[in-house]
PDB file of N, CA and C in Angstrom:
ATOM      1  N   MET A   1     -13.757 -16.399  -8.042  1.00  0.00           N
ATOM      2  CA  MET A   1     -12.669 -15.478  -8.066  1.00  0.00           C
ATOM      3  C   MET A   1     -11.342 -16.194  -7.526  1.00  0.00           C
ATOM      4  N   GLU A   2     -10.293 -15.911  -8.230  1.00  0.00           N
ATOM      5  CA  GLU A   2      -8.955 -16.526  -7.797  1.00  0.00           C
ATOM      6  C   GLU A   2      -7.983 -15.413  -7.728  1.00  0.00           C
ATOM      7  N   LEU A   3      -7.372 -15.252  -6.582  1.00  0.00           N
ATOM      8  CA  LEU A   3      -6.362 -14.190  -6.347  1.00  0.00           C
ATOM      9  C   LEU A   3      -5.001 -14.919  -6.106  1.00  0.00           C
ATOM     10  N   THR A   4      -3.944 -14.144  -6.336  1.00  0.00           N
ATOM     11  CA  THR A   4      -2.572 -14.604  -6.020  1.00  0.00           C
ATOM     12  C   THR A   4      -2.014 -13.766  -4.914  1.00  0.00           C
ATOM     13  N   LEU A   5      -1.432 -14.370  -3.945  1.00  0.00           N
ATOM     14  CA  LEU A   5      -0.788 -13.609  -2.857  1.00  0.00           C
ATOM     15  C   LEU A   5       0.493 -12.995  -3.441  1.00  0.00           C
ATOM     16  N   LYS A   6       0.563 -11.681  -3.380  1.00  0.00           N
ATOM     17  CA  LYS A   6       1.740 -10.881  -3.981  1.00  0.00           C
ATOM     18  C   LYS A   6       2.714 -10.563  -2.917  1.00  0.00           C
ATOM     19  N   HIS A   7       2.427  -9.992  -1.814  1.00  0.00           N
ATOM     20  CA  HIS A   7       3.379  -9.636  -0.804  1.00  0.00           C
ATOM     21  C   HIS A   7       2.805  -9.546   0.626  1.00  0.00           C
ATOM     22  N   ILE A   8       3.605  -9.620   1.549  1.00  0.00           N
ATOM     23  CA  ILE A   8       3.286  -9.425   3.007  1.00  0.00           C
ATOM     24  C   ILE A   8       4.063  -8.198   3.444  1.00  0.00           C
ATOM     25  N   ASN A   9       3.389  -7.223   4.091  1.00  0.00           N
ATOM     26  CA  ASN A   9       4.065  -6.037   4.589  1.00  0.00           C
ATOM     27  C   ASN A   9       4.433  -6.145   6.003  1.00  0.00           C
ATOM     28  N   LEU A  10       5.657  -5.718   6.317  1.00  0.00           N
ATOM     29  CA  LEU A  10       6.055  -5.611   7.743  1.00  0.00           C
ATOM     30  C   LEU A  10       6.641  -4.205   7.840  1.00  0.00           C
ATOM     31  N   ASN A  11       6.255  -3.382   8.756  1.00  0.00           N
ATOM     32  CA  ASN A  11       6.825  -2.005   8.961  1.00  0.00           C
ATOM     33  C   ASN A  11       7.997  -2.226   9.890  1.00  0.00           C
ATOM     34  N   VAL A  12       9.077  -1.542   9.608  1.00  0.00           N
ATOM     35  CA  VAL A  12      10.323  -1.600  10.290  1.00  0.00           C
ATOM     36  C   VAL A  12      10.798  -0.304  10.809  1.00  0.00           C
ATOM     37  N   THR A  13      11.603  -0.301  11.880  1.00  0.00           N
ATOM     38  CA  THR A  13      12.142   0.900  12.374  1.00  0.00           C
ATOM     39  C   THR A  13      13.468   1.311  11.936  1.00  0.00           C
ATOM     40  N   ASP A  14      14.233   0.273  11.409  1.00  0.00           N
ATOM     41  CA  ASP A  14      15.623   0.458  10.917  1.00  0.00           C
ATOM     42  C   ASP A  14      15.716  -0.432   9.696  1.00  0.00           C
ATOM     43  N   TRP A  15      15.527   0.111   8.449  1.00  0.00           N
ATOM     44  CA  TRP A  15      15.463  -0.757   7.335  1.00  0.00           C
ATOM     45  C   TRP A  15      16.764  -1.349   7.007  1.00  0.00           C
ATOM     46  N   GLU A  16      17.894  -0.704   7.370  1.00  0.00           N
ATOM     47  CA  GLU A  16      19.169  -1.302   7.008  1.00  0.00           C
ATOM     48  C   GLU A  16      19.409  -2.537   7.834  1.00  0.00           C
ATOM     49  N   LYS A  17      19.081  -2.498   9.103  1.00  0.00           N
ATOM     50  CA  LYS A  17      19.232  -3.665  10.071  1.00  0.00           C
ATOM     51  C   LYS A  17      18.232  -4.748   9.688  1.00  0.00           C
ATOM     52  N   SER A  18      17.044  -4.370   9.366  1.00  0.00           N
ATOM     53  CA  SER A  18      16.083  -5.420   8.947  1.00  0.00           C
ATOM     54  C   SER A  18      16.419  -6.074   7.642  1.00  0.00           C
ATOM     55  N   LEU A  19      16.897  -5.283   6.619  1.00  0.00           N
ATOM     56  CA  LEU A  19      17.328  -5.858   5.395  1.00  0.00           C
ATOM     57  C   LEU A  19      18.428  -6.854   5.579  1.00  0.00           C
ATOM     58  N   ALA A  20      19.459  -6.482   6.387  1.00  0.00           N
ATOM     59  CA  ALA A  20      20.570  -7.406   6.698  1.00  0.00           C
ATOM     60  C   ALA A  20      20.079  -8.669   7.393  1.00  0.00           C
ATOM     61  N   PHE A  21      19.136  -8.539   8.299  1.00  0.00           N
ATOM     62  CA  PHE A  21      18.540  -9.697   8.989  1.00  0.00           C
ATOM     63  C   PHE A  21      17.873 -10.659   8.045  1.00  0.00           C
ATOM     64  N   TYR A  22      16.969 -10.099   7.222  1.00  0.00           N
ATOM     65  CA  TYR A  22      16.136 -10.953   6.229  1.00  0.00           C
ATOM     66  C   TYR A  22      17.081 -11.605   5.200  1.00  0.00           C
ATOM     67  N   GLN A  23      18.135 -10.938   4.842  1.00  0.00           N
ATOM     68  CA  GLN A  23      19.091 -11.542   3.864  1.00  0.00           C
ATOM     69  C   GLN A  23      19.862 -12.723   4.484  1.00  0.00           C
ATOM     70  N   LYS A  24      20.357 -12.536   5.708  1.00  0.00           N
ATOM     71  CA  LYS A  24      21.160 -13.545   6.411  1.00  0.00           C
ATOM     72  C   LYS A  24      20.279 -14.676   6.975  1.00  0.00           C
ATOM     73  N   ALA A  25      19.150 -14.321   7.639  1.00  0.00           N
ATOM     74  CA  ALA A  25      18.355 -15.355   8.298  1.00  0.00           C
ATOM     75  C   ALA A  25      17.436 -16.132   7.330  1.00  0.00           C
ATOM     76  N   LEU A  26      16.993 -15.557   6.254  1.00  0.00           N
ATOM     77  CA  LEU A  26      16.086 -16.229   5.350  1.00  0.00           C
ATOM     78  C   LEU A  26      16.505 -16.316   3.945  1.00  0.00           C
ATOM     79  N   GLY A  27      17.723 -15.747   3.655  1.00  0.00           N
ATOM     80  CA  GLY A  27      18.199 -15.882   2.244  1.00  0.00           C
ATOM     81  C   GLY A  27      17.491 -14.986   1.196  1.00  0.00           C
ATOM     82  N   LEU A  28      16.656 -13.998   1.720  1.00  0.00           N
ATOM     83  CA  LEU A  28      15.854 -13.170   0.777  1.00  0.00           C
ATOM     84  C   LEU A  28      16.759 -12.072   0.332  1.00  0.00           C
ATOM     85  N   ARG A  29      16.526 -11.601  -0.837  1.00  0.00           N
ATOM     86  CA  ARG A  29      17.250 -10.450  -1.445  1.00  0.00           C
ATOM     87  C   ARG A  29      16.355  -9.359  -1.892  1.00  0.00           C
ATOM     88  N   ALA A  30      16.879  -8.181  -1.887  1.00  0.00           N
ATOM     89  CA  ALA A  30      16.003  -7.011  -2.329  1.00  0.00           C
ATOM     90  C   ALA A  30      15.742  -7.194  -3.885  1.00  0.00           C
ATOM     91  N   THR A  31      14.517  -7.146  -4.266  1.00  0.00           N
ATOM     92  CA  THR A  31      14.122  -7.257  -5.651  1.00  0.00           C
ATOM     93  C   THR A  31      13.666  -5.917  -6.176  1.00  0.00           C
ATOM     94  N   ARG A  32      13.283  -5.009  -5.244  1.00  0.00           N
ATOM     95  CA  ARG A  32      12.844  -3.673  -5.705  1.00  0.00           C
ATOM     96  C   ARG A  32      12.827  -2.754  -4.507  1.00  0.00           C
ATOM     97  N   ARG A  33      13.100  -1.507  -4.861  1.00  0.00           N
ATOM     98  CA  ARG A  33      13.131  -0.488  -3.809  1.00  0.00           C
ATOM     99  C   ARG A  33      12.360   0.746  -4.240  1.00  0.00           C
ATOM    100  N   GLU A  34      11.524   1.302  -3.342  1.00  0.00           N
ATOM    101  CA  GLU A  34      10.750   2.477  -3.676  1.00  0.00           C
ATOM    102  C   GLU A  34      11.040   3.471  -2.559  1.00  0.00           C
ATOM    103  N   GLU A  35      11.196   4.683  -2.915  1.00  0.00           N
ATOM    104  CA  GLU A  35      11.495   5.828  -1.909  1.00  0.00           C
ATOM    105  C   GLU A  35      10.615   7.017  -2.322  1.00  0.00           C
ATOM    106  N   ALA A  36       9.963   7.569  -1.336  1.00  0.00           N
ATOM    107  CA  ALA A  36       9.149   8.844  -1.581  1.00  0.00           C
ATOM    108  C   ALA A  36      10.088   9.935  -1.927  1.00  0.00           C
ATOM    109  N   LYS A  37       9.639  10.781  -2.768  1.00  0.00           N
ATOM    110  CA  LYS A  37      10.453  11.920  -3.193  1.00  0.00           C
ATOM    111  C   LYS A  37      10.882  12.834  -2.093  1.00  0.00           C
ATOM    112  N   ASP A  38      10.009  12.949  -1.054  1.00  0.00           N
ATOM    113  CA  ASP A  38      10.240  13.741   0.038  1.00  0.00           C
ATOM    114  C   ASP A  38      10.855  13.055   1.296  1.00  0.00           C
ATOM    115  N   GLY A  39      11.189  11.747   1.038  1.00  0.00           N
ATOM    116  CA  GLY A  39      11.895  10.886   2.055  1.00  0.00           C
ATOM    117  C   GLY A  39      11.003  10.379   3.080  1.00  0.00           C
ATOM    118  N   ALA A  40       9.692  10.482   2.913  1.00  0.00           N
ATOM    119  CA  ALA A  40       8.709  10.022   4.006  1.00  0.00           C
ATOM    120  C   ALA A  40       8.690   8.502   4.223  1.00  0.00           C
ATOM    121  N   TYR A  41       9.145   7.772   3.202  1.00  0.00           N
ATOM    122  CA  TYR A  41       9.152   6.322   3.349  1.00  0.00           C
ATOM    123  C   TYR A  41      10.244   5.716   2.437  1.00  0.00           C
ATOM    124  N   ILE A  42      10.659   4.528   2.807  1.00  0.00           N
ATOM    125  CA  ILE A  42      11.495   3.642   1.991  1.00  0.00           C
ATOM    126  C   ILE A  42      10.842   2.268   2.095  1.00  0.00           C
ATOM    127  N   ILE A  43      10.657   1.636   0.899  1.00  0.00           N
ATOM    128  CA  ILE A  43      10.072   0.281   0.828  1.00  0.00           C
ATOM    129  C   ILE A  43      11.100  -0.564   0.047  1.00  0.00           C
ATOM    130  N   HIS A  44      11.313  -1.792   0.722  1.00  0.00           N
ATOM    131  CA  HIS A  44      12.148  -2.755   0.100  1.00  0.00           C
ATOM    132  C   HIS A  44      11.279  -3.995  -0.118  1.00  0.00           C
ATOM    133  N   PHE A  45      11.148  -4.533  -1.328  1.00  0.00           N
ATOM    134  CA  PHE A  45      10.541  -5.791  -1.553  1.00  0.00           C
ATOM    135  C   PHE A  45      11.636  -6.934  -1.611  1.00  0.00           C
ATOM    136  N   LEU A  46      11.446  -7.949  -0.824  1.00  0.00           N
ATOM    137  CA  LEU A  46      12.419  -9.016  -0.675  1.00  0.00           C
ATOM    138  C   LEU A  46      11.896 -10.272  -1.203  1.00  0.00           C
ATOM    139  N   GLY A  47      12.664 -11.111  -1.932  1.00  0.00           N
ATOM    140  CA  GLY A  47      12.187 -12.401  -2.361  1.00  0.00           C
ATOM    141  C   GLY A  47      13.289 -13.263  -2.744  1.00  0.00           C
ATOM    142  N   ASN A  48      12.938 -14.421  -3.330  1.00  0.00           N
ATOM    143  CA  ASN A  48      13.857 -15.428  -3.874  1.00  0.00           C
ATOM    144  C   ASN A  48      13.230 -16.095  -5.132  1.00  0.00           C
ATOM    145  N   ASP A  49      13.928 -16.977  -5.637  1.00  0.00           N
ATOM    146  CA  ASP A  49      13.493 -17.662  -6.815  1.00  0.00           C
ATOM    147  C   ASP A  49      12.396 -18.725  -6.623  1.00  0.00           C
ATOM    148  N   LYS A  50      12.204 -19.078  -5.338  1.00  0.00           N
ATOM    149  CA  LYS A  50      11.313 -20.215  -5.083  1.00  0.00           C
ATOM    150  C   LYS A  50       9.885 -19.774  -4.959  1.00  0.00           C
ATOM    151  N   SER A  51       9.665 -18.564  -4.543  1.00  0.00           N
ATOM    152  CA  SER A  51       8.268 -18.096  -4.295  1.00  0.00           C
ATOM    153  C   SER A  51       7.933 -16.818  -4.991  1.00  0.00           C
ATOM    154  N   PRO A  52       6.763 -16.686  -5.596  1.00  0.00           N
ATOM    155  CA  PRO A  52       6.396 -15.413  -6.124  1.00  0.00           C
ATOM    156  C   PRO A  52       5.961 -14.359  -5.137  1.00  0.00           C
ATOM    157  N   CYS A  53       5.670 -14.769  -3.871  1.00  0.00           N
ATOM    158  CA  CYS A  53       5.238 -13.888  -2.806  1.00  0.00           C
ATOM    159  C   CYS A  53       6.540 -13.134  -2.318  1.00  0.00           C
ATOM    160  N   LYS A  54       6.402 -11.850  -2.048  1.00  0.00           N
ATOM    161  CA  LYS A  54       7.483 -11.026  -1.639  1.00  0.00           C
ATOM    162  C   LYS A  54       7.159 -10.587  -0.090  1.00  0.00           C
ATOM    163  N   VAL A  55       8.277 -10.262   0.569  1.00  0.00           N
ATOM    164  CA  VAL A  55       8.108  -9.579   1.924  1.00  0.00           C
ATOM    165  C   VAL A  55       8.426  -8.134   1.570  1.00  0.00           C
ATOM    166  N   GLU A  56       7.499  -7.213   2.010  1.00  0.00           N
ATOM    167  CA  GLU A  56       7.690  -5.841   1.833  1.00  0.00           C
ATOM    168  C   GLU A  56       8.077  -5.205   3.162  1.00  0.00           C
ATOM    169  N   LEU A  57       9.256  -4.618   3.273  1.00  0.00           N
ATOM    170  CA  LEU A  57       9.705  -3.988   4.460  1.00  0.00           C
ATOM    171  C   LEU A  57       9.464  -2.492   4.269  1.00  0.00           C
ATOM    172  N   THR A  58       8.648  -1.866   5.102  1.00  0.00           N
ATOM    173  CA  THR A  58       8.356  -0.432   4.931  1.00  0.00           C
ATOM    174  C   THR A  58       8.870   0.277   6.145  1.00  0.00           C
ATOM    175  N   TRP A  59       9.736   1.329   5.819  1.00  0.00           N
ATOM    176  CA  TRP A  59      10.226   2.198   6.824  1.00  0.00           C
ATOM    177  C   TRP A  59       9.602   3.614   6.696  1.00  0.00           C
ATOM    178  N   LEU A  60       9.065   4.065   7.717  1.00  0.00           N
ATOM    179  CA  LEU A  60       8.335   5.429   7.731  1.00  0.00           C
ATOM    180  C   LEU A  60       9.174   6.444   8.504  1.00  0.00           C
ATOM    181  N   ARG A  61       9.622   7.486   7.901  1.00  0.00           N
ATOM    182  CA  ARG A  61      10.502   8.475   8.570  1.00  0.00           C
ATOM    183  C   ARG A  61       9.891   9.042   9.791  1.00  0.00           C
ATOM    184  N   ASP A  62       8.580   9.290   9.840  1.00  0.00           N
ATOM    185  CA  ASP A  62       7.989   9.986  10.956  1.00  0.00           C
ATOM    186  C   ASP A  62       7.521   9.055  12.048  1.00  0.00           C
ATOM    187  N   LYS A  63       7.771   7.777  11.906  1.00  0.00           N
ATOM    188  CA  LYS A  63       7.374   6.827  13.026  1.00  0.00           C
ATOM    189  C   LYS A  63       8.213   7.075  14.194  1.00  0.00           C
ATOM    190  N   GLN A  64       7.533   7.287  15.341  1.00  0.00           N
ATOM    191  CA  GLN A  64       8.146   7.373  16.641  1.00  0.00           C
ATOM    192  C   GLN A  64       8.031   6.075  17.399  1.00  0.00           C
ATOM    193  N   GLY A  65       9.159   5.564  17.887  1.00  0.00           N
ATOM    194  CA  GLY A  65       9.105   4.308  18.750  1.00  0.00           C
ATOM    195  C   GLY A  65       8.913   3.098  17.961  1.00  0.00           C
ATOM    196  N   THR A  66       8.518   1.974  18.723  1.00  0.00           N
ATOM    197  CA  THR A  66       8.427   0.740  18.126  1.00  0.00           C
ATOM    198  C   THR A  66       6.907   0.471  17.693  1.00  0.00           C
ATOM    199  N   TYR A  67       6.755  -0.580  16.984  1.00  0.00           N
ATOM    200  CA  TYR A  67       5.375  -0.970  16.471  1.00  0.00           C
ATOM    201  C   TYR A  67       4.744  -1.837  17.514  1.00  0.00           C
ATOM    202  N   GLU A  68       3.430  -1.714  17.709  1.00  0.00           N
ATOM    203  CA  GLU A  68       2.629  -2.528  18.585  1.00  0.00           C
ATOM    204  C   GLU A  68       2.314  -3.797  17.943  1.00  0.00           C
ATOM    205  N   LEU A  69       2.853  -4.943  18.346  1.00  0.00           N
ATOM    206  CA  LEU A  69       2.706  -6.134  17.667  1.00  0.00           C
ATOM    207  C   LEU A  69       1.618  -7.144  18.380  1.00  0.00           C
ATOM    208  N   GLY A  70       1.069  -6.678  19.387  1.00  0.00           N
ATOM    209  CA  GLY A  70       0.012  -7.518  20.100  1.00  0.00           C
ATOM    210  C   GLY A  70       0.755  -8.775  20.646  1.00  0.00           C
ATOM    211  N   ASP A  71       0.112  -9.850  20.620  1.00  0.00           N
ATOM    212  CA  ASP A  71       0.630 -11.125  21.251  1.00  0.00           C
ATOM    213  C   ASP A  71       1.447 -11.919  20.228  1.00  0.00           C
ATOM    214  N   ASN A  72       1.900 -11.374  19.130  1.00  0.00           N
ATOM    215  CA  ASN A  72       2.561 -12.093  18.083  1.00  0.00           C
ATOM    216  C   ASN A  72       1.884 -13.322  17.591  1.00  0.00           C
ATOM    217  N   GLU A  73       0.549 -13.375  17.588  1.00  0.00           N
ATOM    218  CA  GLU A  73      -0.168 -14.473  17.034  1.00  0.00           C
ATOM    219  C   GLU A  73      -0.292 -14.369  15.555  1.00  0.00           C
ATOM    220  N   THR A  74      -0.070 -13.188  14.956  1.00  0.00           N
ATOM    221  CA  THR A  74       0.043 -13.073  13.508  1.00  0.00           C
ATOM    222  C   THR A  74       1.514 -13.210  13.108  1.00  0.00           C
ATOM    223  N   HIS A  75       1.813 -14.037  12.163  1.00  0.00           N
ATOM    224  CA  HIS A  75       3.167 -14.218  11.791  1.00  0.00           C
ATOM    225  C   HIS A  75       3.232 -14.685  10.336  1.00  0.00           C
ATOM    226  N   VAL A  76       4.439 -14.785   9.801  1.00  0.00           N
ATOM    227  CA  VAL A  76       4.724 -15.160   8.401  1.00  0.00           C
ATOM    228  C   VAL A  76       5.494 -16.574   8.527  1.00  0.00           C
ATOM    229  N   GLY A  77       5.047 -17.507   7.683  1.00  0.00           N
ATOM    230  CA  GLY A  77       5.664 -18.723   7.773  1.00  0.00           C
ATOM    231  C   GLY A  77       6.637 -19.008   6.519  1.00  0.00           C
ATOM    232  N   PHE A  78       7.761 -19.668   6.759  1.00  0.00           N
ATOM    233  CA  PHE A  78       8.774 -20.023   5.739  1.00  0.00           C
ATOM    234  C   PHE A  78       9.085 -21.471   5.881  1.00  0.00           C
ATOM    235  N   CYS A  79       9.143 -22.085   4.730  1.00  0.00           N
ATOM    236  CA  CYS A  79       9.554 -23.593   4.691  1.00  0.00           C
ATOM    237  C   CYS A  79      11.114 -23.586   4.306  1.00  0.00           C
ATOM    238  N   ALA A  80      11.798 -24.469   5.010  1.00  0.00           N
ATOM    239  CA  ALA A  80      13.253 -24.616   4.832  1.00  0.00           C
ATOM    240  C   ALA A  80      13.504 -25.926   4.129  1.00  0.00           C
ATOM    241  N   ALA A  81      14.227 -25.804   3.058  1.00  0.00           N
ATOM    242  CA  ALA A  81      14.638 -26.949   2.290  1.00  0.00           C
ATOM    243  C   ALA A  81      15.538 -27.933   3.114  1.00  0.00           C
ATOM    244  N   ASP A  82      16.492 -27.243   3.817  1.00  0.00           N
ATOM    245  CA  ASP A  82      17.413 -27.923   4.756  1.00  0.00           C
ATOM    246  C   ASP A  82      17.138 -27.416   6.169  1.00  0.00           C
ATOM    247  N   PHE A  83      16.104 -28.003   6.718  1.00  0.00           N
ATOM    248  CA  PHE A  83      15.677 -27.559   8.029  1.00  0.00           C
ATOM    249  C   PHE A  83      16.677 -27.551   9.118  1.00  0.00           C
ATOM    250  N   ASP A  84      17.520 -28.585   9.174  1.00  0.00           N
ATOM    251  CA  ASP A  84      18.543 -28.679  10.215  1.00  0.00           C
ATOM    252  C   ASP A  84      19.610 -27.613  10.120  1.00  0.00           C
ATOM    253  N   ALA A  85      20.075 -27.323   8.806  1.00  0.00           N
ATOM    254  CA  ALA A  85      21.023 -26.341   8.599  1.00  0.00           C
ATOM    255  C   ALA A  85      20.465 -24.940   8.923  1.00  0.00           C
ATOM    256  N   THR A  86      19.209 -24.684   8.541  1.00  0.00           N
ATOM    257  CA  THR A  86      18.577 -23.437   8.829  1.00  0.00           C
ATOM    258  C   THR A  86      18.409 -23.182  10.290  1.00  0.00           C
ATOM    259  N   HIS A  87      18.082 -24.245  11.031  1.00  0.00           N
ATOM    260  CA  HIS A  87      17.916 -24.206  12.524  1.00  0.00           C
ATOM    261  C   HIS A  87      19.356 -23.833  13.118  1.00  0.00           C
ATOM    262  N   ALA A  88      20.363 -24.539  12.612  1.00  0.00           N
ATOM    263  CA  ALA A  88      21.701 -24.217  13.129  1.00  0.00           C
ATOM    264  C   ALA A  88      22.135 -22.818  12.921  1.00  0.00           C
ATOM    265  N   LEU A  89      21.774 -22.250  11.740  1.00  0.00           N
ATOM    266  CA  LEU A  89      22.144 -20.823  11.399  1.00  0.00           C
ATOM    267  C   LEU A  89      21.352 -20.022  12.449  1.00  0.00           C
ATOM    268  N   HIS A  90      20.076 -20.215  12.606  1.00  0.00           N
ATOM    269  CA  HIS A  90      19.296 -19.376  13.499  1.00  0.00           C
ATOM    270  C   HIS A  90      19.757 -19.472  15.022  1.00  0.00           C
ATOM    271  N   GLN A  91      20.235 -20.621  15.377  1.00  0.00           N
ATOM    272  CA  GLN A  91      20.798 -20.829  16.663  1.00  0.00           C
ATOM    273  C   GLN A  91      22.076 -19.931  16.883  1.00  0.00           C
ATOM    274  N   GLN A  92      22.834 -19.971  15.810  1.00  0.00           N
ATOM    275  CA  GLN A  92      24.156 -19.236  15.784  1.00  0.00           C
ATOM    276  C   GLN A  92      23.832 -17.699  15.824  1.00  0.00           C
ATOM    277  N   MET A  93      22.810 -17.293  15.163  1.00  0.00           N
ATOM    278  CA  MET A  93      22.375 -15.865  15.115  1.00  0.00           C
ATOM    279  C   MET A  93      21.643 -15.514  16.452  1.00  0.00           C
ATOM    280  N   GLY A  94      21.229 -16.408  17.223  1.00  0.00           N
ATOM    281  CA  GLY A  94      20.549 -16.106  18.472  1.00  0.00           C
ATOM    282  C   GLY A  94      19.111 -15.547  18.294  1.00  0.00           C
ATOM    283  N   CYS A  95      18.519 -15.870  17.203  1.00  0.00           N
ATOM    284  CA  CYS A  95      17.249 -15.241  16.905  1.00  0.00           C
ATOM    285  C   CYS A  95      15.994 -16.233  17.071  1.00  0.00           C
ATOM    286  N   ILE A  96      16.272 -17.475  17.568  1.00  0.00           N
ATOM    287  CA  ILE A  96      15.147 -18.331  17.793  1.00  0.00           C
ATOM    288  C   ILE A  96      14.568 -17.881  19.125  1.00  0.00           C
ATOM    289  N   CYS A  97      13.147 -17.695  19.019  1.00  0.00           N
ATOM    290  CA  CYS A  97      12.404 -17.159  20.260  1.00  0.00           C
ATOM    291  C   CYS A  97      11.423 -18.215  20.761  1.00  0.00           C
ATOM    292  N   TYR A  98      11.151 -19.202  19.994  1.00  0.00           N
ATOM    293  CA  TYR A  98      10.199 -20.216  20.401  1.00  0.00           C
ATOM    294  C   TYR A  98      10.333 -21.529  19.596  1.00  0.00           C
ATOM    295  N   GLU A  99      10.308 -22.647  20.267  1.00  0.00           N
ATOM    296  CA  GLU A  99      10.317 -23.890  19.521  1.00  0.00           C
ATOM    297  C   GLU A  99       9.237 -24.814  19.988  1.00  0.00           C
ATOM    298  N   ASN A 100       8.713 -25.471  18.983  1.00  0.00           N
ATOM    299  CA  ASN A 100       7.668 -26.491  19.321  1.00  0.00           C
ATOM    300  C   ASN A 100       8.114 -27.771  18.550  1.00  0.00           C
ATOM    301  N   THR A 101       8.972 -28.474  19.411  1.00  0.00           N
ATOM    302  CA  THR A 101       9.521 -29.803  18.778  1.00  0.00           C
ATOM    303  C   THR A 101       8.478 -30.793  18.470  1.00  0.00           C
ATOM    304  N   ALA A 102       7.374 -30.840  19.077  1.00  0.00           N
ATOM    305  CA  ALA A 102       6.353 -31.762  18.943  1.00  0.00           C
ATOM    306  C   ALA A 102       5.716 -31.505  17.516  1.00  0.00           C
ATOM    307  N   MET A 103       5.601 -30.265  17.128  1.00  0.00           N
ATOM    308  CA  MET A 103       5.087 -29.945  15.781  1.00  0.00           C
ATOM    309  C   MET A 103       6.187 -29.906  14.757  1.00  0.00           C
ATOM    310  N   GLY A 104       7.419 -29.919  15.252  1.00  0.00           N
ATOM    311  CA  GLY A 104       8.566 -29.805  14.243  1.00  0.00           C
ATOM    312  C   GLY A 104       8.767 -28.479  13.647  1.00  0.00           C
ATOM    313  N   ILE A 105       8.432 -27.325  14.393  1.00  0.00           N
ATOM    314  CA  ILE A 105       8.537 -26.012  13.931  1.00  0.00           C
ATOM    315  C   ILE A 105       9.267 -25.163  14.996  1.00  0.00           C
ATOM    316  N   TYR A 106       9.740 -24.035  14.642  1.00  0.00           N
ATOM    317  CA  TYR A 106      10.231 -23.034  15.523  1.00  0.00           C
ATOM    318  C   TYR A 106       9.919 -21.631  14.951  1.00  0.00           C
ATOM    319  N   PHE A 107      10.155 -20.683  15.775  1.00  0.00           N
ATOM    320  CA  PHE A 107      10.068 -19.233  15.340  1.00  0.00           C
ATOM    321  C   PHE A 107      11.307 -18.461  15.611  1.00  0.00           C
ATOM    322  N   ILE A 108      11.581 -17.485  14.729  1.00  0.00           N
ATOM    323  CA  ILE A 108      12.680 -16.568  14.959  1.00  0.00           C
ATOM    324  C   ILE A 108      12.045 -15.206  15.101  1.00  0.00           C
ATOM    325  N   GLU A 109      12.797 -14.341  15.622  1.00  0.00           N
ATOM    326  CA  GLU A 109      12.244 -12.968  15.909  1.00  0.00           C
ATOM    327  C   GLU A 109      13.148 -11.972  15.148  1.00  0.00           C
ATOM    328  N   ASP A 110      12.528 -11.095  14.363  1.00  0.00           N
ATOM    329  CA  ASP A 110      13.314 -10.108  13.546  1.00  0.00           C
ATOM    330  C   ASP A 110      13.684  -8.966  14.429  1.00  0.00           C
ATOM    331  N   PRO A 111      14.432  -7.882  13.986  1.00  0.00           N
ATOM    332  CA  PRO A 111      14.818  -6.825  14.775  1.00  0.00           C
ATOM    333  C   PRO A 111      13.749  -5.916  15.347  1.00  0.00           C
ATOM    334  N   ASP A 112      12.436  -6.044  14.741  1.00  0.00           N
ATOM    335  CA  ASP A 112      11.385  -5.279  15.236  1.00  0.00           C
ATOM    336  C   ASP A 112      10.443  -6.109  16.112  1.00  0.00           C
ATOM    337  N   GLY A 113      10.720  -7.376  16.305  1.00  0.00           N
ATOM    338  CA  GLY A 113      10.008  -8.205  17.178  1.00  0.00           C
ATOM    339  C   GLY A 113       8.884  -9.052  16.462  1.00  0.00           C
ATOM    340  N   TYR A 114       8.920  -9.048  15.080  1.00  0.00           N
ATOM    341  CA  TYR A 114       8.046  -9.883  14.410  1.00  0.00           C
ATOM    342  C   TYR A 114       8.512 -11.307  14.517  1.00  0.00           C
ATOM    343  N   TRP A 115       7.462 -12.261  14.683  1.00  0.00           N
ATOM    344  CA  TRP A 115       7.832 -13.695  14.741  1.00  0.00           C
ATOM    345  C   TRP A 115       7.678 -14.270  13.340  1.00  0.00           C
ATOM    346  N   LEU A 116       8.673 -15.052  13.005  1.00  0.00           N
ATOM    347  CA  LEU A 116       8.642 -15.719  11.637  1.00  0.00           C
ATOM    348  C   LEU A 116       8.776 -17.261  11.872  1.00  0.00           C
ATOM    349  N   GLU A 117       7.776 -18.015  11.434  1.00  0.00           N
ATOM    350  CA  GLU A 117       7.673 -19.429  11.561  1.00  0.00           C
ATOM    351  C   GLU A 117       8.618 -20.140  10.631  1.00  0.00           C
ATOM    352  N   ILE A 118       9.373 -21.092  11.070  1.00  0.00           N
ATOM    353  CA  ILE A 118      10.245 -21.856  10.132  1.00  0.00           C
ATOM    354  C   ILE A 118       9.766 -23.308  10.299  1.00  0.00           C
ATOM    355  N   MET A 119       9.466 -23.941   9.175  1.00  0.00           N
ATOM    356  CA  MET A 119       9.073 -25.326   9.119  1.00  0.00           C
ATOM    357  C   MET A 119       9.698 -26.062   8.068  1.00  0.00           C
ATOM    358  N   PRO A 120       9.776 -27.378   8.124  1.00  0.00           N
ATOM    359  CA  PRO A 120      10.397 -28.148   7.092  1.00  0.00           C
ATOM    360  C   PRO A 120       9.634 -27.993   5.754  1.00  0.00           C
ATOM    361  N   GLU A 121      10.311 -28.179   4.654  1.00  0.00           N
ATOM    362  CA  GLU A 121       9.627 -28.141   3.365  1.00  0.00           C
ATOM    363  C   GLU A 121       8.613 -29.155   3.267  1.00  0.00           C
ATOM    364  N   GLY A 122       7.501 -28.893   2.676  1.00  0.00           N
ATOM    365  CA  GLY A 122       6.426 -29.790   2.558  1.00  0.00           C
ATOM    366  C   GLY A 122       5.282 -29.644   3.588  1.00  0.00           C
ATOM    367  N   ARG A 123       5.560 -28.798   4.592  1.00  0.00           N
ATOM    368  CA  ARG A 123       4.585 -28.419   5.550  1.00  0.00           C
ATOM    369  C   ARG A 123       3.982 -27.057   5.173  1.00  0.00           C
ATOM    370  N   GLY A 124       2.920 -26.804   5.832  1.00  0.00           N
ATOM    371  CA  GLY A 124       2.375 -25.424   5.711  1.00  0.00           C
ATOM    372  C   GLY A 124       1.103 -25.371   5.039  1.00  0.00           C
TER     373      GLY A 124
END
């Protein structure tokens, strides 16, 4: 059996803030939007031309408070074609939450506290 990874879901508390973050920090753009007829949810699929895999941001109207993320050991990884420029942007944005210079990677934190790994292209 052979499967293709289609998307990764992240639930968010403020879809507008999250959408802006993912566009600026990762260069992802909305490729599709779905909204429940009763307004119970809004889903944005984000992607780019380099990867068939999408990030699905799901906002749930009735969600109270923040999401429990555990120890942030689960994360999504992204390869940067220009690692130094990407790192500089994330420094300017103030979203770098952890760096492992020995491994040549770092993590940024999105508005809901999800950690996103950034690595040089060719790793992963």
